[in-house]
């Protein structure tokens, strides 16, 4: 191995060490309460060294979030590869996102950073571009399955696949956030099981974008609760 290759490998290892340390700190304290000093201490590096690799705390936060995006994409990709039909790919995609939420709750919470435009001002253009590429992979996979469903006559042709993805993604995210932060409130104060609501929401939204042929095939795969 040449000198250049060795140095690049060492830089990549150091970058990974920093991200691993930042992950622990961000998971524990969140973006606003975490400091670069704490991350440097966790990584056993100087703060100056951290800044050689990441221009801001927000850049480093996005780097950690990108790890979560990669985990989500891999879960989607692996699950979809096992499904023999487009309909089954669509169903398993929804199940995989719920599984990601259950197994990687902290990464799910980090995704909400994208909704805070004020914090975006601290992110470098380079890191923003890298993050967008990570998000695009997940988006393209989901929209690709929906588009295939339209082509096969399972999903409605009058609704754009990208618009379908926005509706499904937004509704699922909203309910998962309620489960994450207010599950006990809904259950004990109002007698509502939000996980049950999520299942109903998924069923209703999927059937709403399906053709008659799609709904017939869907009902053969899924036992839809009556009440």
Protein backbone atom coordinates (compact mmCIF):
# COMPACT_ATOMS: atom_id res chain seq x y z
CA UNK A 1 0.00 0.00 0.00
CA UNK A 2 1.36 3.41 -1.00
CA UNK A 3 1.74 6.42 1.28
CA UNK A 4 -1.28 8.20 -0.19
CA UNK A 5 -3.54 5.17 0.20
CA UNK A 6 -2.39 4.63 3.78
CA UNK A 7 -3.06 8.26 4.69
CA UNK A 8 -6.51 8.13 3.12
CA UNK A 9 -7.33 4.98 5.06
CA UNK A 10 -6.13 6.58 8.29
CA UNK A 11 -8.26 9.68 7.60
CA UNK A 12 -11.30 7.50 6.97
CA UNK A 13 -10.71 5.60 10.21
CA UNK A 14 -10.39 8.86 12.12
CA UNK A 15 -13.57 10.16 10.50
CA UNK A 16 -15.39 7.00 11.58
CA UNK A 17 -14.10 7.36 15.14
CA UNK A 18 -15.40 10.93 15.27
CA UNK A 19 -18.82 9.94 13.93
CA UNK A 20 -19.07 7.05 16.42
CA UNK A 21 -18.26 9.39 19.30
CA UNK A 22 -20.68 12.02 18.02
CA UNK A 23 -23.40 9.40 17.72
CA UNK A 24 -23.18 8.61 21.43
CA UNK A 25 -23.25 12.28 22.42
CA UNK A 26 -26.07 13.27 20.05
CA UNK A 27 -28.19 10.28 21.05
CA UNK A 28 -27.81 11.25 24.69
CA UNK A 29 -28.13 15.04 24.45
CA UNK A 30 -29.53 15.97 21.05
CA UNK A 31 -28.13 18.58 18.70
CA UNK A 32 -28.78 21.73 20.70
CA UNK A 33 -27.45 20.48 24.04
CA UNK A 34 -24.42 18.61 22.73
CA UNK A 35 -21.11 20.43 22.40
CA UNK A 36 -18.05 19.86 20.25
CA UNK A 37 -15.99 19.71 23.46
CA UNK A 38 -18.04 16.71 24.62
CA UNK A 39 -17.68 15.03 21.24
CA UNK A 40 -13.93 15.63 21.25
CA UNK A 41 -13.70 14.14 24.73
CA UNK A 42 -15.71 11.09 23.69
CA UNK A 43 -13.48 10.63 20.64
CA UNK A 44 -10.33 11.25 22.73
CA UNK A 45 -9.25 13.94 20.28
CA UNK A 46 -8.73 17.68 20.43
CA UNK A 47 -11.58 19.91 19.32
CA UNK A 48 -9.25 21.33 16.69
CA UNK A 49 -8.85 17.86 15.19
CA UNK A 50 -12.64 17.45 15.02
CA UNK A 51 -12.88 20.69 13.05
CA UNK A 52 -10.32 19.42 10.54
CA UNK A 53 -12.89 16.81 9.52
CA UNK A 54 -16.20 18.60 10.13
CA UNK A 55 -16.75 22.34 9.76
CA UNK A 56 -19.52 22.63 12.35
CA UNK A 57 -21.52 20.70 14.91
CA UNK A 58 -24.40 20.68 12.43
CA UNK A 59 -22.19 19.11 9.75
CA UNK A 60 -21.24 16.39 12.19
CA UNK A 61 -24.90 15.90 13.13
CA UNK A 62 -25.71 15.35 9.47
CA UNK A 63 -22.83 12.89 9.19
CA UNK A 64 -24.39 10.83 11.98
CA UNK A 65 -27.83 11.18 10.40
CA UNK A 66 -26.40 9.88 7.12
CA UNK A 67 -25.46 6.68 8.93
CA UNK A 68 -29.13 6.33 9.85
CA UNK A 69 -30.14 6.96 6.24
CA UNK A 70 -27.78 4.21 5.12
CA UNK A 71 -29.26 1.79 7.65
CA UNK A 72 -32.77 2.65 6.44
CA UNK A 73 -31.82 2.23 2.79
CA UNK A 74 -30.16 -1.13 3.46
CA UNK A 75 -33.24 -2.34 5.36
CA UNK A 76 -35.46 -1.26 2.47
CA UNK A 77 -33.17 -2.72 -0.18
CA UNK A 78 -32.73 -6.08 1.57
CA UNK A 79 -36.44 -6.42 2.28
CA UNK A 80 -37.50 -5.48 -1.24
CA UNK A 81 -35.01 -7.94 -2.77
CA UNK A 82 -36.85 -10.80 -1.06
CA UNK A 83 -40.31 -9.82 -2.33
CA UNK A 84 -41.37 -11.55 -5.58
CA UNK A 85 -44.05 -9.04 -6.65
CA UNK A 86 -44.50 -5.27 -6.79
CA UNK A 87 -47.39 -5.37 -4.35
CA UNK A 88 -45.35 -7.36 -1.83
CA UNK A 89 -42.48 -4.90 -2.25
CA UNK A 90 -44.84 -2.06 -1.44
CA UNK A 91 -46.19 -3.81 1.64
CA UNK A 92 -42.78 -4.85 2.90
CA UNK A 93 -41.51 -1.31 2.42
CA UNK A 94 -44.11 -0.04 4.89
CA UNK A 95 -43.27 -2.83 7.34
CA UNK A 96 -39.54 -2.12 7.03
CA UNK A 97 -40.01 1.54 7.94
CA UNK A 98 -41.93 0.56 11.07
CA UNK A 99 -39.16 -1.91 11.89
CA UNK A 100 -36.56 0.83 11.43
CA UNK A 101 -38.52 3.02 13.84
CA UNK A 102 -38.65 0.21 16.41
CA UNK A 103 -34.97 -0.76 16.13
CA UNK A 104 -33.33 2.62 15.47
CA UNK A 105 -35.48 5.14 17.32
CA UNK A 106 -32.65 7.64 17.83
CA UNK A 107 -31.84 7.80 14.13
CA UNK A 108 -35.54 8.27 13.37
CA UNK A 109 -35.58 11.26 15.71
CA UNK A 110 -32.53 12.74 14.03
CA UNK A 111 -34.33 12.84 10.70
CA UNK A 112 -36.53 15.64 12.04
CA UNK A 113 -33.49 17.91 11.82
CA UNK A 114 -34.41 18.32 8.16
CA UNK A 115 -37.58 20.14 9.16
CA UNK A 116 -35.70 22.88 11.03
CA UNK A 117 -34.69 25.43 8.41
CA UNK A 118 -32.93 27.64 10.96
CA UNK A 119 -30.40 24.91 11.73
CA UNK A 120 -29.75 24.36 8.03
CA UNK A 121 -27.93 27.69 7.90
CA UNK A 122 -25.05 26.17 9.87
CA UNK A 123 -24.59 23.24 7.46
CA UNK A 124 -21.89 23.49 4.79
CA UNK A 125 -22.89 23.12 1.12
CA UNK A 126 -20.66 20.02 0.87
CA UNK A 127 -22.37 18.21 3.74
CA UNK A 128 -25.80 19.28 2.53
CA UNK A 129 -25.06 17.73 -0.86
CA UNK A 130 -23.81 14.48 0.70
CA UNK A 131 -26.91 14.27 2.86
CA UNK A 132 -29.19 14.87 -0.10
CA UNK A 133 -27.57 11.99 -1.94
CA UNK A 134 -28.27 9.68 1.01
CA UNK A 135 -31.89 10.79 1.14
CA UNK A 136 -32.27 10.50 -2.63
CA UNK A 137 -31.37 6.81 -2.57
CA UNK A 138 -34.21 6.07 -0.17
CA UNK A 139 -36.60 8.28 -2.09
CA UNK A 140 -35.74 6.77 -5.49
CA UNK A 141 -36.24 3.24 -4.15
CA UNK A 142 -39.68 4.03 -2.76
CA UNK A 143 -40.88 6.04 -5.76
CA UNK A 144 -39.55 3.36 -8.11
CA UNK A 145 -41.76 0.73 -6.49
CA UNK A 146 -44.80 3.00 -6.67
CA UNK A 147 -44.08 3.79 -10.31
CA UNK A 148 -43.85 0.09 -11.08
CA UNK A 149 -47.21 -0.38 -9.36
CA UNK A 150 -48.75 2.21 -11.69
CA UNK A 151 -47.22 0.52 -14.74
CA UNK A 152 -48.64 -2.85 -13.66
CA UNK A 153 -52.13 -1.44 -13.17
CA UNK A 154 -52.10 -1.92 -9.40
CA UNK A 155 -51.97 1.79 -8.54
CA UNK A 156 -53.96 4.69 -9.96
CA UNK A 157 -52.59 6.47 -13.02
CA UNK A 158 -54.13 9.82 -12.06
CA UNK A 159 -51.84 10.19 -9.03
CA UNK A 160 -48.14 10.84 -9.57
CA UNK A 161 -45.92 8.20 -7.86
CA UNK A 162 -43.83 10.92 -6.20
CA UNK A 163 -47.00 12.49 -4.79
CA UNK A 164 -48.08 9.06 -3.52
CA UNK A 165 -44.72 8.75 -1.77
CA UNK A 166 -45.11 12.16 -0.10
CA UNK A 167 -48.57 11.28 1.25
CA UNK A 168 -47.55 7.84 2.53
CA UNK A 169 -44.27 9.07 4.01
CA UNK A 170 -45.81 12.13 5.68
CA UNK A 171 -48.75 10.26 7.20
CA UNK A 172 -46.56 7.46 8.51
CA UNK A 173 -43.99 9.87 9.95
CA UNK A 174 -46.66 11.92 11.68
CA UNK A 175 -48.17 8.89 13.39
CA UNK A 176 -44.79 7.43 14.31
CA UNK A 177 -43.92 10.73 15.99
CA UNK A 178 -47.12 10.50 18.01
CA UNK A 179 -46.21 6.93 19.00
CA UNK A 180 -42.72 8.07 19.92
CA UNK A 181 -43.64 11.06 22.06
CA UNK A 182 -47.28 10.71 23.13
CA UNK A 183 -48.15 7.02 23.02
CA UNK A 184 -49.07 6.85 26.71
CA UNK A 185 -51.15 10.02 26.51
CA UNK A 186 -53.25 8.69 23.63
CA UNK A 187 -53.61 5.28 25.24
CA UNK A 188 -54.40 6.20 28.82
CA UNK A 189 -56.06 9.60 28.47
CA UNK A 190 -58.08 8.98 25.33
CA UNK A 191 -58.16 5.20 25.03
CA UNK A 192 -56.57 5.22 21.57
CA UNK A 193 -53.96 2.68 20.52
CA UNK A 194 -51.75 4.64 18.11
CA UNK A 195 -50.12 1.50 16.73
CA UNK A 196 -53.58 0.31 15.72
CA UNK A 197 -54.25 3.75 14.21
CA UNK A 198 -51.03 3.43 12.22
CA UNK A 199 -52.14 0.08 10.81
CA UNK A 200 -55.53 1.52 9.84
CA UNK A 201 -53.89 4.56 8.26
CA UNK A 202 -51.57 2.41 6.18
CA UNK A 203 -54.44 0.22 4.98
CA UNK A 204 -56.66 3.19 4.12
CA UNK A 205 -53.97 5.13 2.27
CA UNK A 206 -52.78 2.13 0.29
CA UNK A 207 -56.29 1.22 -0.78
CA UNK A 208 -56.97 4.86 -1.71
CA UNK A 209 -54.18 4.85 -4.32
CA UNK A 210 -54.95 1.37 -5.66
CA UNK A 211 -57.01 0.35 -8.66
CA UNK A 212 -59.74 -2.28 -8.29
CA UNK A 213 -57.23 -4.90 -9.47
CA UNK A 214 -54.72 -3.66 -6.93
CA UNK A 215 -57.24 -3.73 -4.07
CA UNK A 216 -58.30 -7.27 -4.96
CA UNK A 217 -54.70 -8.44 -4.91
CA UNK A 218 -54.01 -6.46 -1.74
CA UNK A 219 -56.86 -8.07 0.17
CA UNK A 220 -55.55 -11.49 -0.71
CA UNK A 221 -52.25 -10.58 0.98
CA UNK A 222 -53.48 -8.63 4.00
CA UNK A 223 -56.22 -9.29 6.50
CA UNK A 224 -57.64 -5.79 6.92
CA UNK A 225 -59.17 -5.24 10.39
CA UNK A 226 -62.90 -4.57 10.29
CA UNK A 227 -62.90 -2.37 13.40
